[in-house]
Amino acid sequence: MGFLAEYIMRGRLQAMIVASTLALISLVMPPVSIVSSGSIALVTLRRGAFEGLMVLGCSTAVVGGLGFFLLGNLQFVLLYGMVLWIPVWLISIILREGRYLSLTIEIAVLIGVLGVICFYLYETDLAVMWVNVLSQVLPRNAPPVQDFKHTLDVISHYMTGIVVAASIFGMLFGLFLGRWWQALLYNPGGFKKEFLSLNTRPRLAIASVLVVVVAILSSGVISELSWNISILLFVMYTFIGTAVIHTLFASMKMGRYMVPMFYITLFLIPHAMLPVSLVGLSDAWMNLRNKISNKHTS
């Protein structure tokens, strides 16, 4: 994908073409949205907030215009472009100025946590809202009906955290792609080193554990809010755990095979993210990567 990064960096027009075209394609193929937001991230990381904003603004106008002529809906496509690009533009500025990927991820998750809290301040019974939304989206005749309704009632209590977590995942993947492109063009190997050094402070890990404890011991809205926040913390520790396990496998003799298999497993079996996140959480105290490096140097 290096050729695409080179094309984006040729100028504002080229970056705008890539971002807007891929955004429209992502309406049919959602994963393409990561590449679209990655183009905004690349421009912002390399050329600064103003240039990134210019590409974002022009791309939004183009997407809105094309959406009107192709789909007959200006508002939806315009809003889609803004929701897709503005968050990744903001965290790209944070990474460009702060220069620490770990801090950027923490801030992205913190913004998500504040978003969840605001949702609960605005609407205390979000579960009912999600039941109504999901009932319209999902097939009503899904057999067996009783089990379907029970599953819907259970999931509805955690949908706020799931939706926000999915948004953070998409936003961070776009940022990672932009950062990888930047390293590919101007600092080969830089992103790999940066990603594999992801960590977090013990104080934040302790606070995360306390949130889970509150979720378990409390009830009602407090418990539901805590569980939804825990889902967002899961995102952060999944990335950290991935970096730790990648380092562990890469240090083994079969590392060249085990590392790709690890990522394939995460892609095919999403449930594997849970133990990975637990590894990321424990790394705050155990500093596993230092132990791995010390073991191989001794």
C-alpha atoms as a PDB file:
ATOM      1  CA  MET A   1       0.000   0.000   0.000  1.00  0.00           C
ATOM      2  CA  GLY A   2       3.054   2.219  -0.176  1.00  0.00           C
ATOM      3  CA  PHE A   3       2.034   3.510  -3.608  1.00  0.00           C
ATOM      4  CA  LEU A   4      -1.228   4.832  -2.143  1.00  0.00           C
ATOM      5  CA  ALA A   5       0.656   6.681   0.610  1.00  0.00           C
ATOM      6  CA  GLU A   6       2.972   8.234  -1.993  1.00  0.00           C
ATOM      7  CA  TYR A   7      -0.039   9.320  -4.036  1.00  0.00           C
ATOM      8  CA  ILE A   8      -1.723  10.890  -1.001  1.00  0.00           C
ATOM      9  CA  MET A   9       1.395  12.878  -0.165  1.00  0.00           C
ATOM     10  CA  ARG A  10       1.717  14.345  -3.676  1.00  0.00           C
ATOM     11  CA  GLY A  11      -0.706  17.101  -2.793  1.00  0.00           C
ATOM     12  CA  ARG A  12      -3.984  18.222  -1.290  1.00  0.00           C
ATOM     13  CA  LEU A  13      -6.018  17.245  -4.361  1.00  0.00           C
ATOM     14  CA  GLN A  14      -4.667  13.692  -4.388  1.00  0.00           C
ATOM     15  CA  ALA A  15      -5.338  13.235  -0.663  1.00  0.00           C
ATOM     16  CA  MET A  16      -8.859  14.579  -1.125  1.00  0.00           C
ATOM     17  CA  ILE A  17      -9.534  12.183  -4.016  1.00  0.00           C
ATOM     18  CA  VAL A  18      -8.419   9.150  -1.993  1.00  0.00           C
ATOM     19  CA  ALA A  19     -10.287  10.128   1.180  1.00  0.00           C
ATOM     20  CA  SER A  20     -13.592  11.030  -0.507  1.00  0.00           C
ATOM     21  CA  THR A  21     -13.622   8.126  -2.985  1.00  0.00           C
ATOM     22  CA  LEU A  22     -12.880   5.513  -0.329  1.00  0.00           C
ATOM     23  CA  ALA A  23     -15.445   7.054   2.032  1.00  0.00           C
ATOM     24  CA  LEU A  24     -18.169   6.522  -0.574  1.00  0.00           C
ATOM     25  CA  ILE A  25     -16.975   2.971  -1.259  1.00  0.00           C
ATOM     26  CA  SER A  26     -17.063   2.291   2.498  1.00  0.00           C
ATOM     27  CA  LEU A  27     -20.839   2.823   2.462  1.00  0.00           C
ATOM     28  CA  VAL A  28     -20.966  -0.537   0.669  1.00  0.00           C
ATOM     29  CA  MET A  29     -17.731  -2.041   2.067  1.00  0.00           C
ATOM     30  CA  PRO A  30     -17.336  -0.699   5.650  1.00  0.00           C
ATOM     31  CA  PRO A  31     -13.710  -1.888   6.233  1.00  0.00           C
ATOM     32  CA  VAL A  32     -12.579   0.507   3.478  1.00  0.00           C
ATOM     33  CA  SER A  33     -13.405   3.370   5.866  1.00  0.00           C
ATOM     34  CA  ILE A  34     -10.151   2.597   7.725  1.00  0.00           C
ATOM     35  CA  VAL A  35      -8.119   3.388   4.607  1.00  0.00           C
ATOM     36  CA  SER A  36     -10.123   6.565   4.050  1.00  0.00           C
ATOM     37  CA  SER A  37      -9.526   7.826   7.602  1.00  0.00           C
ATOM     38  CA  GLY A  38      -5.892   6.669   7.348  1.00  0.00           C
ATOM     39  CA  SER A  39      -5.369   9.152   4.512  1.00  0.00           C
ATOM     40  CA  ILE A  40      -6.559  12.012   6.749  1.00  0.00           C
ATOM     41  CA  ALA A  41      -4.285  10.738   9.530  1.00  0.00           C
ATOM     42  CA  LEU A  42      -1.266  10.602   7.218  1.00  0.00           C
ATOM     43  CA  VAL A  43      -1.702  14.175   5.986  1.00  0.00           C
ATOM     44  CA  THR A  44      -2.265  15.476   9.530  1.00  0.00           C
ATOM     45  CA  LEU A  45       0.684  13.578  11.014  1.00  0.00           C
ATOM     46  CA  ARG A  46       3.072  14.699   8.306  1.00  0.00           C
ATOM     47  CA  ARG A  47       1.910  18.196   7.386  1.00  0.00           C
ATOM     48  CA  GLY A  48       0.063  19.382  10.473  1.00  0.00           C
ATOM     49  CA  ALA A  49      -3.412  20.120  11.758  1.00  0.00           C
ATOM     50  CA  PHE A  50      -4.263  22.891   9.274  1.00  0.00           C
ATOM     51  CA  GLU A  51      -3.405  20.847   6.193  1.00  0.00           C
ATOM     52  CA  GLY A  52      -5.298  17.885   7.604  1.00  0.00           C
ATOM     53  CA  LEU A  53      -8.297  20.114   8.253  1.00  0.00           C
ATOM     54  CA  MET A  54      -8.193  21.459   4.700  1.00  0.00           C
ATOM     55  CA  VAL A  55      -8.199  17.953   3.228  1.00  0.00           C
ATOM     56  CA  LEU A  56     -10.952  16.944   5.665  1.00  0.00           C
ATOM     57  CA  GLY A  57     -13.094  19.949   4.799  1.00  0.00           C
ATOM     58  CA  CYS A  58     -12.694  19.617   1.037  1.00  0.00           C
ATOM     59  CA  SER A  59     -13.296  15.857   1.182  1.00  0.00           C
ATOM     60  CA  THR A  60     -16.455  16.391   3.226  1.00  0.00           C
ATOM     61  CA  ALA A  61     -17.764  18.847   0.635  1.00  0.00           C
ATOM     62  CA  VAL A  62     -16.983  16.429  -2.207  1.00  0.00           C
ATOM     63  CA  VAL A  63     -18.580  13.480  -0.395  1.00  0.00           C
ATOM     64  CA  GLY A  64     -21.668  15.565   0.345  1.00  0.00           C
ATOM     65  CA  GLY A  65     -21.983  16.621  -3.301  1.00  0.00           C
ATOM     66  CA  LEU A  66     -21.443  13.124  -4.690  1.00  0.00           C
ATOM     67  CA  GLY A  67     -23.815  11.718  -2.098  1.00  0.00           C
ATOM     68  CA  PHE A  68     -26.511  14.102  -3.277  1.00  0.00           C
ATOM     69  CA  PHE A  69     -26.117  13.217  -6.980  1.00  0.00           C
ATOM     70  CA  LEU A  70     -25.513   9.471  -6.535  1.00  0.00           C
ATOM     71  CA  LEU A  71     -27.710   8.652  -3.541  1.00  0.00           C
ATOM     72  CA  GLY A  72     -30.024  11.640  -3.374  1.00  0.00           C
ATOM     73  CA  ASN A  73     -29.101  12.156   0.286  1.00  0.00           C
ATOM     74  CA  LEU A  74     -26.832  15.066   1.167  1.00  0.00           C
ATOM     75  CA  GLN A  75     -27.220  15.134   4.958  1.00  0.00           C
ATOM     76  CA  PHE A  76     -26.479  11.454   5.661  1.00  0.00           C
ATOM     77  CA  VAL A  77     -23.327  11.262   3.544  1.00  0.00           C
ATOM     78  CA  LEU A  78     -22.117  14.626   4.835  1.00  0.00           C
ATOM     79  CA  LEU A  79     -22.601  13.543   8.443  1.00  0.00           C
ATOM     80  CA  TYR A  80     -20.978  10.171   7.683  1.00  0.00           C
ATOM     81  CA  GLY A  81     -17.847  11.880   6.365  1.00  0.00           C
ATOM     82  CA  MET A  82     -17.584  14.160   9.389  1.00  0.00           C
ATOM     83  CA  VAL A  83     -18.048  11.300  11.884  1.00  0.00           C
ATOM     84  CA  LEU A  84     -15.489   9.225   9.973  1.00  0.00           C
ATOM     85  CA  TRP A  85     -12.760  11.877   9.701  1.00  0.00           C
ATOM     86  CA  ILE A  86     -13.006  14.415  12.539  1.00  0.00           C
ATOM     87  CA  PRO A  87     -12.128  11.954  15.372  1.00  0.00           C
ATOM     88  CA  VAL A  88      -9.089  10.555  13.538  1.00  0.00           C
ATOM     89  CA  TRP A  89      -7.987  14.094  12.669  1.00  0.00           C
ATOM     90  CA  LEU A  90      -8.138  15.086  16.348  1.00  0.00           C
ATOM     91  CA  ILE A  91      -6.157  12.104  17.650  1.00  0.00           C
ATOM     92  CA  SER A  92      -3.655  12.523  14.814  1.00  0.00           C
ATOM     93  CA  ILE A  93      -2.981  16.025  16.149  1.00  0.00           C
ATOM     94  CA  ILE A  94      -2.522  14.558  19.634  1.00  0.00           C
ATOM     95  CA  LEU A  95      -0.024  12.001  18.319  1.00  0.00           C
ATOM     96  CA  ARG A  96       1.829  14.576  16.213  1.00  0.00           C
ATOM     97  CA  GLU A  97       2.214  16.971  19.151  1.00  0.00           C
ATOM     98  CA  GLY A  98       2.576  14.438  21.975  1.00  0.00           C
ATOM     99  CA  ARG A  99       4.698  11.932  19.998  1.00  0.00           C
ATOM    100  CA  TYR A 100       3.614   8.980  22.191  1.00  0.00           C
ATOM    101  CA  LEU A 101       1.314   6.359  20.717  1.00  0.00           C
ATOM    102  CA  SER A 102       0.430   4.948  24.155  1.00  0.00           C
ATOM    103  CA  LEU A 103      -0.729   8.358  25.368  1.00  0.00           C
ATOM    104  CA  THR A 104      -2.773   8.862  22.208  1.00  0.00           C
ATOM    105  CA  ILE A 105      -4.606   5.563  22.736  1.00  0.00           C
ATOM    106  CA  GLU A 106      -5.272   6.442  26.380  1.00  0.00           C
ATOM    107  CA  ILE A 107      -6.726   9.813  25.372  1.00  0.00           C
ATOM    108  CA  ALA A 108      -8.876   8.196  22.664  1.00  0.00           C
ATOM    109  CA  VAL A 109     -10.280   5.743  25.226  1.00  0.00           C
ATOM    110  CA  LEU A 110     -10.794   8.569  27.742  1.00  0.00           C
ATOM    111  CA  ILE A 111     -12.791  10.516  25.148  1.00  0.00           C
ATOM    112  CA  GLY A 112     -14.879   7.382  24.624  1.00  0.00           C
ATOM    113  CA  VAL A 113     -15.441   7.038  28.388  1.00  0.00           C
ATOM    114  CA  LEU A 114     -16.596  10.656  28.596  1.00  0.00           C
ATOM    115  CA  GLY A 115     -18.898   9.971  25.652  1.00  0.00           C
ATOM    116  CA  VAL A 116     -20.483   6.994  27.433  1.00  0.00           C
ATOM    117  CA  ILE A 117     -20.963   9.044  30.610  1.00  0.00           C
ATOM    118  CA  CYS A 118     -22.605  11.830  28.602  1.00  0.00           C
ATOM    119  CA  PHE A 119     -24.959   9.298  26.986  1.00  0.00           C
ATOM    120  CA  TYR A 120     -26.066   8.144  30.447  1.00  0.00           C
ATOM    121  CA  LEU A 121     -26.491  11.707  31.675  1.00  0.00           C
ATOM    122  CA  TYR A 122     -28.660  12.461  28.659  1.00  0.00           C
ATOM    123  CA  GLU A 123     -30.683   9.215  28.718  1.00  0.00           C
ATOM    124  CA  THR A 124     -30.617   7.108  31.890  1.00  0.00           C
ATOM    125  CA  ASP A 125     -32.509   4.177  30.336  1.00  0.00           C
ATOM    126  CA  LEU A 126     -30.363   3.545  27.286  1.00  0.00           C
ATOM    127  CA  ALA A 127     -31.245  -0.158  27.269  1.00  0.00           C
ATOM    128  CA  VAL A 128     -34.818   0.619  26.214  1.00  0.00           C
ATOM    129  CA  MET A 129     -33.533   2.868  23.432  1.00  0.00           C
ATOM    130  CA  TRP A 130     -31.218   0.137  22.136  1.00  0.00           C
ATOM    131  CA  VAL A 131     -33.998  -2.465  22.259  1.00  0.00           C
ATOM    132  CA  ASN A 132     -36.095  -0.207  20.015  1.00  0.00           C
ATOM    133  CA  VAL A 133     -33.173   0.427  17.657  1.00  0.00           C
ATOM    134  CA  LEU A 134     -32.108  -3.222  17.429  1.00  0.00           C
ATOM    135  CA  SER A 135     -35.688  -4.402  16.998  1.00  0.00           C
ATOM    136  CA  GLN A 136     -35.915  -2.294  13.841  1.00  0.00           C
ATOM    137  CA  VAL A 137     -32.512  -3.339  12.493  1.00  0.00           C
ATOM    138  CA  LEU A 138     -32.524  -7.074  13.291  1.00  0.00           C
ATOM    139  CA  PRO A 139     -35.028  -9.524  11.749  1.00  0.00           C
ATOM    140  CA  ARG A 140     -38.129  -9.854  13.886  1.00  0.00           C
ATOM    141  CA  ASN A 141     -38.846 -13.441  12.846  1.00  0.00           C
ATOM    142  CA  ALA A 142     -35.469 -14.773  14.025  1.00  0.00           C
ATOM    143  CA  PRO A 143     -36.150 -18.235  15.533  1.00  0.00           C
ATOM    144  CA  PRO A 144     -36.727 -18.986  18.316  1.00  0.00           C
ATOM    145  CA  VAL A 145     -38.494 -15.700  19.084  1.00  0.00           C
ATOM    146  CA  GLN A 146     -38.314 -16.005  22.875  1.00  0.00           C
ATOM    147  CA  ASP A 147     -34.551 -16.605  22.879  1.00  0.00           C
ATOM    148  CA  PHE A 148     -34.110 -13.750  20.431  1.00  0.00           C
ATOM    149  CA  LYS A 149     -35.961 -11.321  22.701  1.00  0.00           C
ATOM    150  CA  HIS A 150     -33.958 -12.483  25.733  1.00  0.00           C
ATOM    151  CA  THR A 151     -30.666 -12.006  23.880  1.00  0.00           C
ATOM    152  CA  LEU A 152     -31.820  -8.594  22.728  1.00  0.00           C
ATOM    153  CA  ASP A 153     -32.669  -7.550  26.285  1.00  0.00           C
ATOM    154  CA  VAL A 154     -29.243  -8.658  27.553  1.00  0.00           C
ATOM    155  CA  ILE A 155     -27.203  -7.050  24.762  1.00  0.00           C
ATOM    156  CA  SER A 156     -29.117  -3.774  24.990  1.00  0.00           C
ATOM    157  CA  HIS A 157     -27.542  -3.011  28.378  1.00  0.00           C
ATOM    158  CA  TYR A 158     -24.047  -3.058  26.849  1.00  0.00           C
ATOM    159  CA  MET A 159     -24.702  -1.657  23.369  1.00  0.00           C
ATOM    160  CA  THR A 160     -23.528   1.843  24.287  1.00  0.00           C
ATOM    161  CA  GLY A 161     -20.092   0.546  25.241  1.00  0.00           C
ATOM    162  CA  ILE A 162     -19.985  -1.828  22.252  1.00  0.00           C
ATOM    163  CA  VAL A 163     -20.833   0.914  19.745  1.00  0.00           C
ATOM    164  CA  VAL A 164     -18.368   3.404  21.224  1.00  0.00           C
ATOM    165  CA  ALA A 165     -15.671   0.699  21.456  1.00  0.00           C
ATOM    166  CA  ALA A 166     -16.211  -0.206  17.792  1.00  0.00           C
ATOM    167  CA  SER A 167     -15.849   3.477  16.900  1.00  0.00           C
ATOM    168  CA  ILE A 168     -12.596   3.700  18.869  1.00  0.00           C
ATOM    169  CA  PHE A 169     -11.272   0.546  17.191  1.00  0.00           C
ATOM    170  CA  GLY A 170     -12.020   2.006  13.753  1.00  0.00           C
ATOM    171  CA  MET A 171     -10.544   5.379  14.664  1.00  0.00           C
ATOM    172  CA  LEU A 172      -7.329   3.845  16.043  1.00  0.00           C
ATOM    173  CA  PHE A 173      -6.926   1.485  13.083  1.00  0.00           C
ATOM    174  CA  GLY A 174      -7.153   4.529  10.809  1.00  0.00           C
ATOM    175  CA  LEU A 175      -4.537   6.284  12.937  1.00  0.00           C
ATOM    176  CA  PHE A 176      -2.281   3.201  12.904  1.00  0.00           C
ATOM    177  CA  LEU A 177      -2.539   2.983   9.122  1.00  0.00           C
ATOM    178  CA  GLY A 178      -1.640   6.651   8.757  1.00  0.00           C
ATOM    179  CA  ARG A 179       1.285   6.260  11.157  1.00  0.00           C
ATOM    180  CA  TRP A 180       2.482   3.130   9.342  1.00  0.00           C
ATOM    181  CA  TRP A 181       2.321   4.967   6.014  1.00  0.00           C
ATOM    182  CA  GLN A 182       4.281   7.856   7.526  1.00  0.00           C
ATOM    183  CA  ALA A 183       6.963   5.463   8.793  1.00  0.00           C
ATOM    184  CA  LEU A 184       7.021   3.620   5.460  1.00  0.00           C
ATOM    185  CA  LEU A 185       7.759   6.838   3.584  1.00  0.00           C
ATOM    186  CA  TYR A 186       9.952   8.745   6.040  1.00  0.00           C
ATOM    187  CA  ASN A 187      11.032   6.447   8.909  1.00  0.00           C
ATOM    188  CA  PRO A 188      11.156   2.755   7.883  1.00  0.00           C
ATOM    189  CA  GLY A 189      10.517   0.443  10.827  1.00  0.00           C
ATOM    190  CA  GLY A 190       9.455   3.310  13.066  1.00  0.00           C
ATOM    191  CA  PHE A 191       5.842   2.272  13.474  1.00  0.00           C
ATOM    192  CA  LYS A 192       6.705  -1.315  14.406  1.00  0.00           C
ATOM    193  CA  LYS A 193       9.051  -0.105  17.142  1.00  0.00           C
ATOM    194  CA  GLU A 194       6.443   2.395  18.351  1.00  0.00           C
ATOM    195  CA  PHE A 195       3.594  -0.148  18.404  1.00  0.00           C
ATOM    196  CA  LEU A 196       5.588  -2.887  20.135  1.00  0.00           C
ATOM    197  CA  SER A 197       6.520  -0.476  22.939  1.00  0.00           C
ATOM    198  CA  LEU A 198       2.865   0.232  23.847  1.00  0.00           C
ATOM    199  CA  ASN A 199       2.334   0.248  27.609  1.00  0.00           C
ATOM    200  CA  THR A 200       0.358   1.918  30.351  1.00  0.00           C
ATOM    201  CA  ARG A 201       0.973   3.052  33.910  1.00  0.00           C
ATOM    202  CA  PRO A 202       0.115   0.926  36.957  1.00  0.00           C
ATOM    203  CA  ARG A 203      -2.157   3.682  38.302  1.00  0.00           C
ATOM    204  CA  LEU A 204      -4.350   3.491  35.219  1.00  0.00           C
ATOM    205  CA  ALA A 205      -4.393  -0.311  35.462  1.00  0.00           C
ATOM    206  CA  ILE A 206      -5.497  -0.091  39.108  1.00  0.00           C
ATOM    207  CA  ALA A 207      -8.254   2.358  38.143  1.00  0.00           C
ATOM    208  CA  SER A 208      -9.349  -0.057  35.405  1.00  0.00           C
ATOM    209  CA  VAL A 209      -9.570  -2.944  37.867  1.00  0.00           C
ATOM    210  CA  LEU A 210     -11.598  -0.760  40.237  1.00  0.00           C
ATOM    211  CA  VAL A 211     -14.076   0.008  37.447  1.00  0.00           C
ATOM    212  CA  VAL A 212     -14.612  -3.738  36.909  1.00  0.00           C
ATOM    213  CA  VAL A 213     -14.974  -4.300  40.663  1.00  0.00           C
ATOM    214  CA  VAL A 214     -17.624  -1.571  40.851  1.00  0.00           C
ATOM    215  CA  ALA A 215     -19.426  -3.163  37.892  1.00  0.00           C
ATOM    216  CA  ILE A 216     -19.498  -6.533  39.675  1.00  0.00           C
ATOM    217  CA  LEU A 217     -20.436  -5.329  43.158  1.00  0.00           C
ATOM    218  CA  SER A 218     -22.933  -2.605  42.305  1.00  0.00           C
ATOM    219  CA  SER A 219     -26.300  -2.774  40.582  1.00  0.00           C
ATOM    220  CA  GLY A 220     -28.623  -0.726  38.424  1.00  0.00           C
ATOM    221  CA  VAL A 221     -27.348   2.201  36.377  1.00  0.00           C
ATOM    222  CA  ILE A 222     -23.975   2.342  38.180  1.00  0.00           C
ATOM    223  CA  SER A 223     -23.222  -1.291  37.338  1.00  0.00           C
ATOM    224  CA  GLU A 224     -24.383  -0.886  33.739  1.00  0.00           C
ATOM    225  CA  LEU A 225     -22.314   2.281  33.271  1.00  0.00           C
ATOM    226  CA  SER A 226     -19.238   0.596  34.772  1.00  0.00           C
ATOM    227  CA  TRP A 227     -19.574  -2.419  32.465  1.00  0.00           C
ATOM    228  CA  ASN A 228     -19.855  -0.147  29.432  1.00  0.00           C
ATOM    229  CA  ILE A 229     -16.737   1.748  30.503  1.00  0.00           C
ATOM    230  CA  SER A 230     -14.967  -1.589  31.029  1.00  0.00           C
ATOM    231  CA  ILE A 231     -15.655  -2.449  27.391  1.00  0.00           C
ATOM    232  CA  LEU A 232     -13.735   0.673  26.340  1.00  0.00           C
ATOM    233  CA  LEU A 233     -10.823  -0.161  28.648  1.00  0.00           C
ATOM    234  CA  PHE A 234     -10.825  -3.586  27.004  1.00  0.00           C
ATOM    235  CA  VAL A 235      -9.923  -1.839  23.723  1.00  0.00           C
ATOM    236  CA  MET A 236      -6.830  -0.227  25.231  1.00  0.00           C
ATOM    237  CA  TYR A 237      -5.528  -3.373  26.903  1.00  0.00           C
ATOM    238  CA  THR A 238      -6.165  -5.436  23.779  1.00  0.00           C
ATOM    239  CA  PHE A 239      -3.707  -3.259  21.853  1.00  0.00           C
ATOM    240  CA  ILE A 240      -1.144  -3.422  24.664  1.00  0.00           C
ATOM    241  CA  GLY A 241      -1.575  -7.191  25.019  1.00  0.00           C
ATOM    242  CA  THR A 242      -1.161  -7.586  21.255  1.00  0.00           C
ATOM    243  CA  ALA A 243       2.160  -5.726  21.431  1.00  0.00           C
ATOM    244  CA  VAL A 244       3.345  -7.922  24.330  1.00  0.00           C
ATOM    245  CA  ILE A 245       2.398 -11.228  22.679  1.00  0.00           C
ATOM    246  CA  HIS A 246       3.852 -10.099  19.334  1.00  0.00           C
ATOM    247  CA  THR A 247       7.163  -9.418  21.091  1.00  0.00           C
ATOM    248  CA  LEU A 248       7.008 -12.785  22.853  1.00  0.00           C
ATOM    249  CA  PHE A 249       6.333 -14.771  19.675  1.00  0.00           C
ATOM    250  CA  ALA A 250       8.876 -12.790  17.642  1.00  0.00           C
ATOM    251  CA  SER A 251      11.583 -13.778  20.138  1.00  0.00           C
ATOM    252  CA  MET A 252      10.964 -17.502  19.523  1.00  0.00           C
ATOM    253  CA  LYS A 253      12.630 -19.652  16.891  1.00  0.00           C
ATOM    254  CA  MET A 254       9.344 -20.074  15.021  1.00  0.00           C
ATOM    255  CA  GLY A 255       8.532 -16.375  15.365  1.00  0.00           C
ATOM    256  CA  ARG A 256       8.250 -15.726  11.632  1.00  0.00           C
ATOM    257  CA  TYR A 257       5.308 -18.166  11.551  1.00  0.00           C
ATOM    258  CA  MET A 258       3.823 -17.618  15.002  1.00  0.00           C
ATOM    259  CA  VAL A 259       3.394 -13.841  14.692  1.00  0.00           C
ATOM    260  CA  PRO A 260       1.251 -14.039  11.506  1.00  0.00           C
ATOM    261  CA  MET A 261      -0.740 -16.930  12.999  1.00  0.00           C
ATOM    262  CA  PHE A 262      -1.381 -14.844  16.102  1.00  0.00           C
ATOM    263  CA  TYR A 263      -2.934 -12.015  14.077  1.00  0.00           C
ATOM    264  CA  ILE A 264      -4.920 -14.456  11.934  1.00  0.00           C
ATOM    265  CA  THR A 265      -6.287 -16.012  15.134  1.00  0.00           C
ATOM    266  CA  LEU A 266      -7.356 -12.607  16.453  1.00  0.00           C
ATOM    267  CA  PHE A 267      -9.104 -11.889  13.160  1.00  0.00           C
ATOM    268  CA  LEU A 268     -10.884 -15.247  12.905  1.00  0.00           C
ATOM    269  CA  ILE A 269     -11.617 -15.739  16.621  1.00  0.00           C
ATOM    270  CA  PRO A 270     -12.517 -12.370  18.211  1.00  0.00           C
ATOM    271  CA  HIS A 271     -13.043 -14.075  21.589  1.00  0.00           C
ATOM    272  CA  ALA A 272      -9.248 -14.495  21.733  1.00  0.00           C
ATOM    273  CA  MET A 273      -9.048 -10.754  22.409  1.00  0.00           C
ATOM    274  CA  LEU A 274     -10.161 -11.299  26.010  1.00  0.00           C
ATOM    275  CA  PRO A 275      -7.034 -13.214  27.164  1.00  0.00           C
ATOM    276  CA  VAL A 276      -4.936 -10.825  25.075  1.00  0.00           C
ATOM    277  CA  SER A 277      -6.406  -7.858  26.966  1.00  0.00           C
ATOM    278  CA  LEU A 278      -5.667  -9.609  30.289  1.00  0.00           C
ATOM    279  CA  VAL A 279      -2.039  -9.923  29.187  1.00  0.00           C
ATOM    280  CA  GLY A 280      -2.050  -6.195  28.424  1.00  0.00           C
ATOM    281  CA  LEU A 281      -3.487  -5.406  31.853  1.00  0.00           C
ATOM    282  CA  SER A 282      -0.944  -7.562  33.703  1.00  0.00           C
ATOM    283  CA  ASP A 283       1.911  -5.994  31.733  1.00  0.00           C
ATOM    284  CA  ALA A 284       1.379  -2.753  33.679  1.00  0.00           C
ATOM    285  CA  TRP A 285       2.910  -4.477  36.727  1.00  0.00           C
ATOM    286  CA  MET A 286       4.929  -7.360  35.283  1.00  0.00           C
ATOM    287  CA  ASN A 287       6.719  -5.497  32.452  1.00  0.00           C
ATOM    288  CA  LEU A 288       6.734  -8.687  30.391  1.00  0.00           C
ATOM    289  CA  ARG A 289       8.703  -7.352  27.416  1.00  0.00           C
ATOM    290  CA  ASN A 290      11.679  -6.410  29.594  1.00  0.00           C
ATOM    291  CA  LYS A 291      11.690  -9.926  31.011  1.00  0.00           C
ATOM    292  CA  ILE A 292      11.656 -11.344  27.498  1.00  0.00           C
ATOM    293  CA  SER A 293      14.572  -9.153  26.385  1.00  0.00           C
ATOM    294  CA  ASN A 294      16.557  -9.886  29.563  1.00  0.00           C
ATOM    295  CA  LYS A 295      16.024 -13.608  29.054  1.00  0.00           C
ATOM    296  CA  HIS A 296      17.450 -13.485  25.551  1.00  0.00           C
ATOM    297  CA  THR A 297      20.410 -11.244  26.432  1.00  0.00           C
ATOM    298  CA  SER A 298      21.485 -13.347  29.424  1.00  0.00           C
END
